Amino acid sequence: MKRLAIFDFDGTLFDSVWDVEICFNRTLEIHGFPTLTHEEYLDRLGGNIDEIVSLILKDKSTAENIELVKDTYGKLYSSLPKDNTKPFAKTHEVLKALQDKGIYLAINSNRTTDSIMMYVDKFFKDIDFKAIEGHDPSYPSKPSPCGVEIIMGQLEVTKDETVYIGDSITDIRTSQNAEIDCILVGWGYGRKDAFESDYPIETVDDPYEILNYF
């Protein structure tokens, strides 16, 4: 029986790519680097911030340029209103239903914990997330199972009692590395390679379908 549902953040719980895209393109313009299209951003998201920036910079990716873009992007992202970042439809209702069933809820993401908490406090005040593990430079990021293992350890839940819910190949590999079941969602930013994987135990196109697994 499953007792713990660990959710990815971007592309699974929240539709966040548009504000990320706006801030990155403004950053690239400031420093004279070529901007990217929406599709190009979708191909580059999923890793931690250093990996994402490196992919965005393409042949301009150097340690110095990565730090430059990260610094400007962080300041822009913090200062802008981010009105386009909102939960996907039905996700709140599904989280509430899982919570009412007594399922532990958690988030594991390559976004920073502080950033995750900002949106959770704004949109999910009535949802009791038992653990939130965002990107911490002290630990390896997804697809490392580190964050998942920390959450399971804190909640004293076994691998068999845990399921990871995400939208991308990074989430699938995180689940594989943690040796836990995975549900792949169809409304996020996952690319073709994610849906060709035979690892997920379930692929869902409507958030309410997640409830069937519990």
N, C-alpha and C. Protein backbone atom coordinates (compact mmCIF):
# COMPACT_ATOMS: atom_id res chain seq x y z
N MET A 1 0.84 -1.20 0.00
CA MET A 1 0.00 0.00 0.00
C MET A 1 0.87 1.26 0.00
N LYS A 2 0.52 2.21 -0.84
CA LYS A 2 1.28 3.45 -0.92
C LYS A 2 0.87 4.40 0.20
N ARG A 3 1.90 4.97 0.85
CA ARG A 3 1.66 5.93 1.93
C ARG A 3 2.20 7.31 1.62
N LEU A 4 3.09 7.40 0.62
CA LEU A 4 3.77 8.67 0.32
C LEU A 4 3.74 8.97 -1.17
N ALA A 5 3.29 10.18 -1.52
CA ALA A 5 3.31 10.67 -2.90
C ALA A 5 4.28 11.84 -2.98
N ILE A 6 5.37 11.66 -3.72
CA ILE A 6 6.36 12.73 -3.91
C ILE A 6 6.14 13.35 -5.29
N PHE A 7 5.87 14.63 -5.31
CA PHE A 7 5.59 15.33 -6.57
C PHE A 7 6.79 16.16 -7.03
N ASP A 8 7.02 16.13 -8.33
CA ASP A 8 7.87 17.13 -8.97
C ASP A 8 7.11 18.46 -8.91
N PHE A 9 7.81 19.57 -9.12
CA PHE A 9 7.15 20.89 -9.04
C PHE A 9 6.82 21.45 -10.42
N ASP A 10 7.86 21.86 -11.17
CA ASP A 10 7.64 22.49 -12.48
C ASP A 10 7.15 21.47 -13.50
N GLY A 11 6.00 21.76 -14.09
CA GLY A 11 5.47 20.86 -15.11
C GLY A 11 4.59 19.76 -14.56
N THR A 12 4.54 19.64 -13.23
CA THR A 12 3.70 18.62 -12.60
C THR A 12 2.63 19.27 -11.73
N LEU A 13 3.05 20.04 -10.75
CA LEU A 13 2.11 20.79 -9.93
C LEU A 13 1.87 22.20 -10.48
N PHE A 14 2.94 22.83 -10.97
CA PHE A 14 2.85 24.23 -11.41
C PHE A 14 3.24 24.41 -12.87
N ASP A 15 2.46 25.26 -13.55
CA ASP A 15 2.79 25.71 -14.90
C ASP A 15 3.64 26.96 -14.74
N SER A 16 4.95 26.82 -14.86
CA SER A 16 5.89 27.88 -14.49
C SER A 16 6.80 28.32 -15.61
N VAL A 17 6.75 27.66 -16.74
CA VAL A 17 7.77 27.86 -17.77
C VAL A 17 7.74 29.26 -18.37
N TRP A 18 6.57 29.89 -18.42
CA TRP A 18 6.47 31.18 -19.11
C TRP A 18 7.26 32.26 -18.38
N ASP A 19 7.15 32.31 -17.06
CA ASP A 19 7.91 33.30 -16.30
C ASP A 19 9.40 33.01 -16.33
N VAL A 20 9.76 31.74 -16.30
CA VAL A 20 11.16 31.34 -16.42
C VAL A 20 11.71 31.81 -17.77
N GLU A 21 10.95 31.59 -18.81
CA GLU A 21 11.35 31.98 -20.16
C GLU A 21 11.53 33.49 -20.28
N ILE A 22 10.58 34.26 -19.73
CA ILE A 22 10.66 35.72 -19.78
C ILE A 22 11.92 36.21 -19.08
N CYS A 23 12.18 35.69 -17.90
CA CYS A 23 13.34 36.14 -17.12
C CYS A 23 14.66 35.74 -17.76
N PHE A 24 14.72 34.53 -18.32
CA PHE A 24 15.95 34.11 -18.98
C PHE A 24 16.21 34.94 -20.24
N ASN A 25 15.18 35.19 -21.03
CA ASN A 25 15.40 35.96 -22.26
C ASN A 25 15.81 37.40 -21.96
N ARG A 26 15.25 37.98 -20.92
CA ARG A 26 15.68 39.33 -20.52
C ARG A 26 17.13 39.30 -20.08
N THR A 27 17.50 38.27 -19.35
CA THR A 27 18.89 38.12 -18.88
C THR A 27 19.83 37.98 -20.06
N LEU A 28 19.47 37.15 -21.02
CA LEU A 28 20.32 36.93 -22.19
C LEU A 28 20.48 38.22 -23.00
N GLU A 29 19.39 38.99 -23.13
CA GLU A 29 19.45 40.26 -23.85
C GLU A 29 20.39 41.24 -23.14
N ILE A 30 20.31 41.29 -21.83
CA ILE A 30 21.16 42.20 -21.04
C ILE A 30 22.64 41.94 -21.31
N HIS A 31 22.99 40.67 -21.44
CA HIS A 31 24.40 40.31 -21.59
C HIS A 31 24.81 40.03 -23.04
N GLY A 32 23.90 40.29 -23.98
CA GLY A 32 24.23 40.17 -25.39
C GLY A 32 24.28 38.75 -25.92
N PHE A 33 23.62 37.83 -25.23
CA PHE A 33 23.56 36.45 -25.71
C PHE A 33 22.27 36.24 -26.51
N PRO A 34 22.24 35.31 -27.45
CA PRO A 34 21.02 35.04 -28.21
C PRO A 34 19.90 34.51 -27.30
N THR A 35 18.68 34.97 -27.54
CA THR A 35 17.53 34.47 -26.79
C THR A 35 17.06 33.15 -27.39
N LEU A 36 16.20 32.45 -26.65
CA LEU A 36 15.71 31.14 -27.08
C LEU A 36 14.20 31.18 -27.30
N THR A 37 13.71 30.23 -28.07
CA THR A 37 12.27 30.09 -28.29
C THR A 37 11.66 29.26 -27.16
N HIS A 38 10.35 29.24 -27.13
CA HIS A 38 9.64 28.45 -26.12
C HIS A 38 10.03 26.98 -26.20
N GLU A 39 10.04 26.44 -27.40
CA GLU A 39 10.39 25.03 -27.58
C GLU A 39 11.82 24.74 -27.14
N GLU A 40 12.72 25.67 -27.39
CA GLU A 40 14.10 25.48 -26.96
C GLU A 40 14.22 25.44 -25.44
N TYR A 41 13.42 26.24 -24.76
CA TYR A 41 13.44 26.19 -23.29
C TYR A 41 12.91 24.86 -22.77
N LEU A 42 11.85 24.38 -23.39
CA LEU A 42 11.29 23.10 -22.96
C LEU A 42 12.32 21.98 -23.09
N ASP A 43 13.18 22.07 -24.08
CA ASP A 43 14.21 21.05 -24.29
C ASP A 43 15.34 21.14 -23.26
N ARG A 44 15.44 22.27 -22.57
CA ARG A 44 16.58 22.50 -21.69
C ARG A 44 16.24 22.49 -20.21
N LEU A 45 14.98 22.46 -19.86
CA LEU A 45 14.58 22.48 -18.46
C LEU A 45 14.61 21.07 -17.87
N GLY A 46 14.74 21.00 -16.55
CA GLY A 46 14.70 19.70 -15.87
C GLY A 46 15.89 19.47 -14.96
N GLY A 47 17.03 20.03 -15.32
CA GLY A 47 18.21 19.88 -14.47
C GLY A 47 18.28 20.95 -13.40
N ASN A 48 19.42 21.04 -12.70
CA ASN A 48 19.57 22.13 -11.75
C ASN A 48 19.95 23.40 -12.51
N ILE A 49 20.04 24.53 -11.81
CA ILE A 49 20.22 25.81 -12.47
C ILE A 49 21.50 25.88 -13.29
N ASP A 50 22.59 25.29 -12.80
CA ASP A 50 23.84 25.31 -13.55
C ASP A 50 23.71 24.54 -14.86
N GLU A 51 23.06 23.39 -14.81
CA GLU A 51 22.87 22.58 -16.02
C GLU A 51 21.98 23.30 -17.02
N ILE A 52 20.92 23.92 -16.53
CA ILE A 52 19.99 24.64 -17.42
C ILE A 52 20.69 25.80 -18.10
N VAL A 53 21.40 26.61 -17.32
CA VAL A 53 22.09 27.77 -17.89
C VAL A 53 23.14 27.34 -18.90
N SER A 54 23.84 26.28 -18.62
CA SER A 54 24.85 25.78 -19.56
C SER A 54 24.20 25.41 -20.90
N LEU A 55 23.06 24.75 -20.85
CA LEU A 55 22.36 24.36 -22.08
C LEU A 55 21.81 25.58 -22.81
N ILE A 56 21.35 26.57 -22.06
CA ILE A 56 20.82 27.80 -22.66
C ILE A 56 21.91 28.57 -23.39
N LEU A 57 23.10 28.60 -22.81
CA LEU A 57 24.20 29.37 -23.40
C LEU A 57 24.84 28.68 -24.61
N LYS A 58 24.56 27.39 -24.78
CA LYS A 58 25.09 26.63 -25.91
C LYS A 58 26.61 26.77 -25.99
N ASP A 59 27.14 27.26 -27.13
CA ASP A 59 28.59 27.34 -27.30
C ASP A 59 29.22 28.47 -26.49
N LYS A 60 28.40 29.30 -25.84
CA LYS A 60 28.90 30.37 -24.97
C LYS A 60 28.99 29.92 -23.52
N SER A 61 28.79 28.64 -23.31
CA SER A 61 28.76 28.12 -21.94
C SER A 61 30.17 27.99 -21.37
N THR A 62 30.53 28.95 -20.53
CA THR A 62 31.78 28.90 -19.77
C THR A 62 31.42 29.10 -18.30
N ALA A 63 32.33 28.77 -17.42
CA ALA A 63 32.06 28.94 -15.98
C ALA A 63 31.73 30.39 -15.66
N GLU A 64 32.45 31.31 -16.30
CA GLU A 64 32.21 32.74 -16.05
C GLU A 64 30.84 33.18 -16.54
N ASN A 65 30.47 32.75 -17.76
CA ASN A 65 29.17 33.13 -18.32
C ASN A 65 28.01 32.51 -17.54
N ILE A 66 28.19 31.28 -17.09
CA ILE A 66 27.14 30.62 -16.30
C ILE A 66 26.87 31.41 -15.02
N GLU A 67 27.92 31.82 -14.33
CA GLU A 67 27.75 32.59 -13.10
C GLU A 67 27.12 33.95 -13.38
N LEU A 68 27.52 34.57 -14.48
CA LEU A 68 26.96 35.87 -14.87
C LEU A 68 25.46 35.78 -15.11
N VAL A 69 25.06 34.78 -15.90
CA VAL A 69 23.64 34.61 -16.22
C VAL A 69 22.84 34.20 -14.99
N LYS A 70 23.39 33.30 -14.19
CA LYS A 70 22.71 32.87 -12.97
C LYS A 70 22.42 34.07 -12.05
N ASP A 71 23.42 34.92 -11.87
CA ASP A 71 23.28 36.06 -10.96
C ASP A 71 22.20 37.03 -11.44
N THR A 72 22.24 37.38 -12.72
CA THR A 72 21.25 38.31 -13.26
C THR A 72 19.86 37.69 -13.28
N TYR A 73 19.78 36.42 -13.70
CA TYR A 73 18.49 35.73 -13.73
C TYR A 73 17.87 35.68 -12.33
N GLY A 74 18.68 35.34 -11.33
CA GLY A 74 18.16 35.24 -9.96
C GLY A 74 17.58 36.56 -9.49
N LYS A 75 18.25 37.65 -9.80
CA LYS A 75 17.76 38.97 -9.38
C LYS A 75 16.48 39.33 -10.11
N LEU A 76 16.44 39.05 -11.42
CA LEU A 76 15.24 39.35 -12.20
C LEU A 76 14.06 38.51 -11.74
N TYR A 77 14.30 37.23 -11.56
CA TYR A 77 13.21 36.32 -11.17
C TYR A 77 12.64 36.72 -9.82
N SER A 78 13.50 37.15 -8.90
CA SER A 78 13.04 37.55 -7.57
C SER A 78 12.24 38.85 -7.61
N SER A 79 12.57 39.73 -8.56
CA SER A 79 11.95 41.06 -8.57
C SER A 79 10.66 41.13 -9.39
N LEU A 80 10.49 40.24 -10.35
CA LEU A 80 9.31 40.30 -11.22
C LEU A 80 8.10 39.63 -10.56
N PRO A 81 6.88 40.03 -10.94
CA PRO A 81 5.67 39.51 -10.27
C PRO A 81 5.36 38.03 -10.54
N LYS A 82 5.77 37.49 -11.66
CA LYS A 82 5.55 36.07 -12.01
C LYS A 82 4.07 35.70 -12.01
N ASP A 83 3.28 36.55 -12.68
CA ASP A 83 1.83 36.34 -12.72
C ASP A 83 1.43 35.12 -13.54
N ASN A 84 2.34 34.61 -14.36
CA ASN A 84 2.01 33.46 -15.22
C ASN A 84 2.20 32.12 -14.53
N THR A 85 2.82 32.12 -13.36
CA THR A 85 3.10 30.86 -12.65
C THR A 85 1.94 30.50 -11.74
N LYS A 86 1.25 29.41 -12.07
CA LYS A 86 0.06 29.00 -11.33
C LYS A 86 -0.03 27.47 -11.32
N PRO A 87 -0.77 26.93 -10.37
CA PRO A 87 -0.97 25.47 -10.36
C PRO A 87 -1.73 25.03 -11.60
N PHE A 88 -1.41 23.85 -12.10
CA PHE A 88 -2.21 23.27 -13.17
C PHE A 88 -3.62 22.99 -12.65
N ALA A 89 -4.58 23.05 -13.55
CA ALA A 89 -5.98 22.80 -13.19
C ALA A 89 -6.12 21.44 -12.50
N LYS A 90 -6.90 21.40 -11.45
CA LYS A 90 -7.28 20.20 -10.71
C LYS A 90 -6.21 19.70 -9.74
N THR A 91 -5.00 20.26 -9.80
CA THR A 91 -3.95 19.72 -8.92
C THR A 91 -4.27 19.97 -7.45
N HIS A 92 -4.83 21.13 -7.13
CA HIS A 92 -5.17 21.39 -5.73
C HIS A 92 -6.20 20.40 -5.23
N GLU A 93 -7.21 20.15 -6.03
CA GLU A 93 -8.26 19.21 -5.62
C GLU A 93 -7.71 17.81 -5.40
N VAL A 94 -6.80 17.40 -6.25
CA VAL A 94 -6.20 16.07 -6.13
C VAL A 94 -5.33 15.98 -4.88
N LEU A 95 -4.55 17.01 -4.61
CA LEU A 95 -3.73 17.04 -3.39
C LEU A 95 -4.62 16.96 -2.16
N LYS A 96 -5.71 17.70 -2.17
CA LYS A 96 -6.64 17.69 -1.02
C LYS A 96 -7.25 16.30 -0.84
N ALA A 97 -7.60 15.65 -1.95
CA ALA A 97 -8.19 14.32 -1.87
C ALA A 97 -7.18 13.30 -1.33
N LEU A 98 -5.94 13.39 -1.77
CA LEU A 98 -4.90 12.50 -1.26
C LEU A 98 -4.67 12.74 0.22
N GLN A 99 -4.63 14.00 0.61
CA GLN A 99 -4.45 14.35 2.02
C GLN A 99 -5.59 13.79 2.86
N ASP A 100 -6.81 13.89 2.35
CA ASP A 100 -7.97 13.36 3.08
C ASP A 100 -7.91 11.84 3.21
N LYS A 101 -7.21 11.18 2.28
CA LYS A 101 -7.04 9.74 2.36
C LYS A 101 -5.95 9.34 3.36
N GLY A 102 -5.23 10.34 3.87
CA GLY A 102 -4.15 10.05 4.80
C GLY A 102 -2.81 9.79 4.14
N ILE A 103 -2.69 10.13 2.85
CA ILE A 103 -1.44 9.95 2.13
C ILE A 103 -0.48 11.08 2.49
N TYR A 104 0.77 10.75 2.79
CA TYR A 104 1.79 11.77 2.99
C TYR A 104 2.09 12.44 1.65
N LEU A 105 2.23 13.77 1.67
CA LEU A 105 2.54 14.52 0.46
C LEU A 105 3.89 15.20 0.60
N ALA A 106 4.69 15.19 -0.47
CA ALA A 106 6.01 15.82 -0.45
C ALA A 106 6.34 16.34 -1.85
N ILE A 107 7.34 17.21 -1.92
CA ILE A 107 7.82 17.76 -3.19
C ILE A 107 9.32 17.57 -3.28
N ASN A 108 9.79 17.11 -4.43
CA ASN A 108 11.23 17.00 -4.71
C ASN A 108 11.48 17.63 -6.07
N SER A 109 12.30 18.68 -6.09
CA SER A 109 12.48 19.45 -7.31
C SER A 109 13.91 19.96 -7.42
N ASN A 110 14.32 20.31 -8.63
CA ASN A 110 15.60 20.97 -8.83
C ASN A 110 15.48 22.49 -8.70
N ARG A 111 14.28 22.98 -8.43
CA ARG A 111 14.07 24.38 -8.06
C ARG A 111 14.47 24.54 -6.59
N THR A 112 14.87 25.72 -6.17
CA THR A 112 15.29 25.90 -4.77
C THR A 112 14.09 25.74 -3.83
N THR A 113 14.37 25.31 -2.62
CA THR A 113 13.32 25.09 -1.64
C THR A 113 12.57 26.39 -1.32
N ASP A 114 13.29 27.49 -1.19
CA ASP A 114 12.65 28.77 -0.88
C ASP A 114 11.65 29.16 -1.96
N SER A 115 12.02 28.95 -3.21
CA SER A 115 11.13 29.28 -4.32
C SER A 115 9.88 28.40 -4.30
N ILE A 116 10.06 27.11 -4.02
CA ILE A 116 8.92 26.20 -3.92
C ILE A 116 7.98 26.66 -2.80
N MET A 117 8.55 26.98 -1.65
CA MET A 117 7.76 27.39 -0.49
C MET A 117 6.95 28.65 -0.78
N MET A 118 7.51 29.57 -1.57
CA MET A 118 6.80 30.80 -1.90
C MET A 118 5.48 30.49 -2.61
N TYR A 119 5.52 29.56 -3.57
CA TYR A 119 4.31 29.21 -4.32
C TYR A 119 3.37 28.33 -3.50
N VAL A 120 3.92 27.43 -2.71
CA VAL A 120 3.09 26.59 -1.86
C VAL A 120 2.31 27.45 -0.87
N ASP A 121 2.99 28.41 -0.26
CA ASP A 121 2.33 29.30 0.71
C ASP A 121 1.25 30.15 0.05
N LYS A 122 1.45 30.48 -1.22
CA LYS A 122 0.49 31.32 -1.94
C LYS A 122 -0.73 30.55 -2.42
N PHE A 123 -0.51 29.34 -2.94
CA PHE A 123 -1.60 28.63 -3.60
C PHE A 123 -2.11 27.40 -2.84
N PHE A 124 -1.31 26.82 -1.96
CA PHE A 124 -1.69 25.57 -1.31
C PHE A 124 -1.64 25.68 0.21
N LYS A 125 -2.22 26.74 0.74
CA LYS A 125 -2.16 26.98 2.19
C LYS A 125 -2.78 25.85 3.00
N ASP A 126 -3.77 25.17 2.45
CA ASP A 126 -4.47 24.12 3.19
C ASP A 126 -3.89 22.72 2.94
N ILE A 127 -2.77 22.65 2.21
CA ILE A 127 -2.14 21.37 1.94
C ILE A 127 -0.92 21.21 2.85
N ASP A 128 -0.90 20.11 3.58
CA ASP A 128 0.18 19.86 4.54
C ASP A 128 1.26 18.99 3.90
N PHE A 129 2.20 19.65 3.22
CA PHE A 129 3.33 18.90 2.65
C PHE A 129 4.26 18.50 3.80
N LYS A 130 4.47 17.21 3.94
CA LYS A 130 5.29 16.70 5.05
C LYS A 130 6.77 16.99 4.85
N ALA A 131 7.20 17.16 3.60
CA ALA A 131 8.60 17.45 3.32
C ALA A 131 8.71 18.13 1.96
N ILE A 132 9.63 19.07 1.85
CA ILE A 132 9.93 19.73 0.58
C ILE A 132 11.44 19.76 0.42
N GLU A 133 11.94 19.06 -0.60
CA GLU A 133 13.37 19.01 -0.87
C GLU A 133 13.64 19.63 -2.24
N GLY A 134 14.11 20.89 -2.22
CA GLY A 134 14.52 21.56 -3.44
C GLY A 134 16.01 21.41 -3.67
N HIS A 135 16.50 22.11 -4.66
CA HIS A 135 17.93 22.02 -4.99
C HIS A 135 18.78 22.63 -3.88
N ASP A 136 19.76 21.88 -3.43
CA ASP A 136 20.72 22.32 -2.42
C ASP A 136 22.10 21.99 -2.98
N PRO A 137 22.97 23.02 -3.16
CA PRO A 137 24.30 22.76 -3.72
C PRO A 137 25.12 21.75 -2.93
N SER A 138 24.73 21.51 -1.69
CA SER A 138 25.46 20.55 -0.86
C SER A 138 25.17 19.10 -1.25
N TYR A 139 24.08 18.89 -2.00
CA TYR A 139 23.67 17.54 -2.37
C TYR A 139 23.52 17.45 -3.88
N PRO A 140 23.66 16.26 -4.44
CA PRO A 140 23.43 16.10 -5.88
C PRO A 140 21.97 16.32 -6.22
N SER A 141 21.72 16.92 -7.39
CA SER A 141 20.35 17.20 -7.80
C SER A 141 19.76 16.02 -8.56
N LYS A 142 18.47 16.08 -8.86
CA LYS A 142 17.85 15.04 -9.68
C LYS A 142 18.57 14.94 -11.02
N PRO A 143 18.76 13.74 -11.53
CA PRO A 143 18.09 12.48 -11.19
C PRO A 143 18.72 11.68 -10.06
N SER A 144 19.60 12.29 -9.28
CA SER A 144 20.07 11.60 -8.08
C SER A 144 18.88 11.32 -7.17
N PRO A 145 18.87 10.17 -6.49
CA PRO A 145 17.77 9.85 -5.58
C PRO A 145 17.91 10.51 -4.22
N CYS A 146 18.91 11.38 -4.06
CA CYS A 146 19.23 11.94 -2.75
C CYS A 146 18.02 12.59 -2.08
N GLY A 147 17.33 13.49 -2.80
CA GLY A 147 16.18 14.18 -2.22
C GLY A 147 15.07 13.23 -1.84
N VAL A 148 14.80 12.25 -2.70
CA VAL A 148 13.77 11.25 -2.42
C VAL A 148 14.14 10.44 -1.18
N GLU A 149 15.38 10.06 -1.08
CA GLU A 149 15.82 9.25 0.07
C GLU A 149 15.76 10.05 1.37
N ILE A 150 16.06 11.34 1.30
CA ILE A 150 15.94 12.19 2.49
C ILE A 150 14.49 12.24 2.96
N ILE A 151 13.57 12.42 2.00
CA ILE A 151 12.15 12.50 2.33
C ILE A 151 11.67 11.18 2.94
N MET A 152 12.00 10.06 2.32
CA MET A 152 11.57 8.76 2.83
C MET A 152 12.14 8.52 4.23
N GLY A 153 13.38 8.93 4.45
CA GLY A 153 13.98 8.76 5.75
C GLY A 153 13.30 9.60 6.81
N GLN A 154 12.98 10.85 6.48
CA GLN A 154 12.31 11.73 7.44
C GLN A 154 10.94 11.18 7.84
N LEU A 155 10.24 10.61 6.88
CA LEU A 155 8.87 10.15 7.12
C LEU A 155 8.79 8.66 7.48
N GLU A 156 9.96 8.01 7.50
CA GLU A 156 10.04 6.59 7.84
C GLU A 156 9.10 5.76 6.97
N VAL A 157 9.24 5.98 5.66
CA VAL A 157 8.43 5.29 4.66
C VAL A 157 9.35 4.46 3.78
N THR A 158 8.93 3.27 3.39
CA THR A 158 9.75 2.38 2.57
C THR A 158 9.61 2.70 1.09
N LYS A 159 10.49 2.11 0.29
CA LYS A 159 10.43 2.29 -1.16
C LYS A 159 9.11 1.77 -1.72
N ASP A 160 8.67 0.64 -1.23
CA ASP A 160 7.43 0.05 -1.72
C ASP A 160 6.20 0.90 -1.38
N GLU A 161 6.34 1.75 -0.38
CA GLU A 161 5.22 2.59 0.05
C GLU A 161 5.23 3.96 -0.61
N THR A 162 6.18 4.18 -1.52
CA THR A 162 6.39 5.51 -2.11
C THR A 162 6.18 5.50 -3.61
N VAL A 163 5.60 6.58 -4.13
CA VAL A 163 5.47 6.76 -5.57
C VAL A 163 5.90 8.18 -5.92
N TYR A 164 6.63 8.31 -7.04
CA TYR A 164 7.08 9.62 -7.52
C TYR A 164 6.19 10.02 -8.69
N ILE A 165 5.77 11.28 -8.70
CA ILE A 165 4.87 11.77 -9.75
C ILE A 165 5.53 12.95 -10.44
N GLY A 166 5.82 12.80 -11.74
CA GLY A 166 6.51 13.86 -12.46
C GLY A 166 6.17 13.86 -13.94
N ASP A 167 6.82 14.77 -14.68
CA ASP A 167 6.46 14.96 -16.09
C ASP A 167 7.59 14.72 -17.07
N SER A 168 8.79 14.42 -16.59
CA SER A 168 9.94 14.40 -17.50
C SER A 168 10.80 13.16 -17.34
N ILE A 169 11.74 13.01 -18.27
CA ILE A 169 12.67 11.89 -18.20
C ILE A 169 13.54 12.00 -16.95
N THR A 170 13.80 13.22 -16.50
CA THR A 170 14.56 13.41 -15.25
C THR A 170 13.81 12.79 -14.07
N ASP A 171 12.50 12.94 -14.05
CA ASP A 171 11.69 12.37 -12.97
C ASP A 171 11.67 10.84 -13.04
N ILE A 172 11.61 10.32 -14.25
CA ILE A 172 11.65 8.87 -14.42
C ILE A 172 12.97 8.32 -13.91
N ARG A 173 14.07 8.97 -14.29
CA ARG A 173 15.39 8.49 -13.86
C ARG A 173 15.57 8.65 -12.35
N THR A 174 14.99 9.70 -11.79
CA THR A 174 15.03 9.86 -10.33
C THR A 174 14.34 8.68 -9.65
N SER A 175 13.19 8.31 -10.17
CA SER A 175 12.44 7.17 -9.62
C SER A 175 13.22 5.88 -9.77
N GLN A 176 13.81 5.68 -10.93
CA GLN A 176 14.61 4.48 -11.16
C GLN A 176 15.78 4.41 -10.18
N ASN A 177 16.47 5.53 -10.02
CA ASN A 177 17.63 5.55 -9.12
C ASN A 177 17.24 5.34 -7.67
N ALA A 178 16.04 5.77 -7.32
CA ALA A 178 15.55 5.58 -5.95
C ALA A 178 14.86 4.23 -5.78
N GLU A 179 14.65 3.53 -6.89
CA GLU A 179 13.99 2.22 -6.89
C GLU A 179 12.56 2.30 -6.34
N ILE A 180 11.83 3.32 -6.83
CA ILE A 180 10.44 3.48 -6.43
C ILE A 180 9.57 3.58 -7.68
N ASP A 181 8.27 3.39 -7.51
CA ASP A 181 7.33 3.49 -8.62
C ASP A 181 7.21 4.94 -9.10
N CYS A 182 6.78 5.08 -10.35
CA CYS A 182 6.68 6.40 -10.97
C CYS A 182 5.39 6.54 -11.75
N ILE A 183 4.73 7.67 -11.58
CA ILE A 183 3.59 8.04 -12.40
C ILE A 183 4.00 9.23 -13.26
N LEU A 184 3.84 9.12 -14.57
CA LEU A 184 4.20 10.19 -15.50
C LEU A 184 2.94 10.94 -15.91
N VAL A 185 2.97 12.28 -15.78
CA VAL A 185 1.80 13.09 -16.13
C VAL A 185 1.95 13.65 -17.54
N GLY A 186 0.83 13.79 -18.23
CA GLY A 186 0.86 14.21 -19.62
C GLY A 186 0.62 15.69 -19.86
N TRP A 187 0.41 16.48 -18.79
CA TRP A 187 0.09 17.89 -18.99
C TRP A 187 1.29 18.82 -18.81
N GLY A 188 2.46 18.29 -18.52
CA GLY A 188 3.62 19.13 -18.22
C GLY A 188 4.51 19.38 -19.41
N TYR A 189 5.83 19.36 -19.15
CA TYR A 189 6.80 19.73 -20.17
C TYR A 189 7.60 18.54 -20.68
N GLY A 190 7.15 17.35 -20.36
CA GLY A 190 7.88 16.16 -20.76
C GLY A 190 7.99 16.02 -22.26
N ARG A 191 9.16 15.60 -22.72
CA ARG A 191 9.39 15.43 -24.14
C ARG A 191 9.13 13.98 -24.55
N LYS A 192 9.28 13.70 -25.82
CA LYS A 192 8.94 12.39 -26.38
C LYS A 192 9.67 11.25 -25.69
N ASP A 193 10.95 11.48 -25.30
CA ASP A 193 11.72 10.39 -24.70
C ASP A 193 11.12 9.92 -23.39
N ALA A 194 10.44 10.81 -22.67
CA ALA A 194 9.81 10.41 -21.41
C ALA A 194 8.67 9.43 -21.67
N PHE A 195 7.87 9.70 -22.67
CA PHE A 195 6.70 8.87 -22.93
C PHE A 195 7.05 7.57 -23.65
N GLU A 196 8.27 7.49 -24.14
CA GLU A 196 8.72 6.24 -24.75
C GLU A 196 9.34 5.30 -23.73
N SER A 197 9.58 5.80 -22.52
CA SER A 197 10.17 4.96 -21.47
C SER A 197 9.15 3.92 -21.00
N ASP A 198 9.63 2.72 -20.70
CA ASP A 198 8.73 1.67 -20.21
C ASP A 198 8.78 1.55 -18.69
N TYR A 199 9.44 2.53 -18.02
CA TYR A 199 9.56 2.43 -16.57
C TYR A 199 8.31 2.87 -15.81
N PRO A 200 7.67 3.99 -16.18
CA PRO A 200 6.52 4.43 -15.37
C PRO A 200 5.47 3.34 -15.25
N ILE A 201 4.92 3.16 -14.04
CA ILE A 201 3.87 2.17 -13.86
C ILE A 201 2.54 2.69 -14.39
N GLU A 202 2.47 4.00 -14.56
CA GLU A 202 1.21 4.61 -15.00
C GLU A 202 1.53 5.91 -15.73
N THR A 203 0.78 6.21 -16.79
CA THR A 203 0.84 7.50 -17.45
C THR A 203 -0.56 8.08 -17.42
N VAL A 204 -0.70 9.30 -16.90
CA VAL A 204 -2.04 9.89 -16.72
C VAL A 204 -2.14 11.21 -17.48
N ASP A 205 -3.32 11.49 -18.00
CA ASP A 205 -3.57 12.72 -18.73
C ASP A 205 -4.49 13.67 -17.97
N ASP A 206 -5.04 13.20 -16.88
CA ASP A 206 -5.92 14.03 -16.04
C ASP A 206 -5.49 13.84 -14.59
N PRO A 207 -5.31 14.93 -13.84
CA PRO A 207 -4.86 14.80 -12.45
C PRO A 207 -5.69 13.86 -11.60
N TYR A 208 -6.98 13.79 -11.86
CA TYR A 208 -7.83 12.92 -11.05
C TYR A 208 -7.47 11.44 -11.22
N GLU A 209 -6.83 11.09 -12.33
CA GLU A 209 -6.42 9.70 -12.53
C GLU A 209 -5.38 9.26 -11.51
N ILE A 210 -4.66 10.20 -10.94
CA ILE A 210 -3.67 9.86 -9.91
C ILE A 210 -4.34 9.18 -8.73
N LEU A 211 -5.56 9.60 -8.41
CA LEU A 211 -6.27 9.04 -7.25
C LEU A 211 -6.53 7.54 -7.40
N ASN A 212 -6.66 7.08 -8.64
CA ASN A 212 -6.92 5.66 -8.86
C ASN A 212 -5.79 4.78 -8.33
N TYR A 213 -4.58 5.34 -8.30
CA TYR A 213 -3.43 4.55 -7.86
C TYR A 213 -3.39 4.37 -6.36
N PHE A 214 -4.14 5.18 -5.66
CA PHE A 214 -4.17 5.12 -4.19
C PHE A 214 -5.49 4.53 -3.69
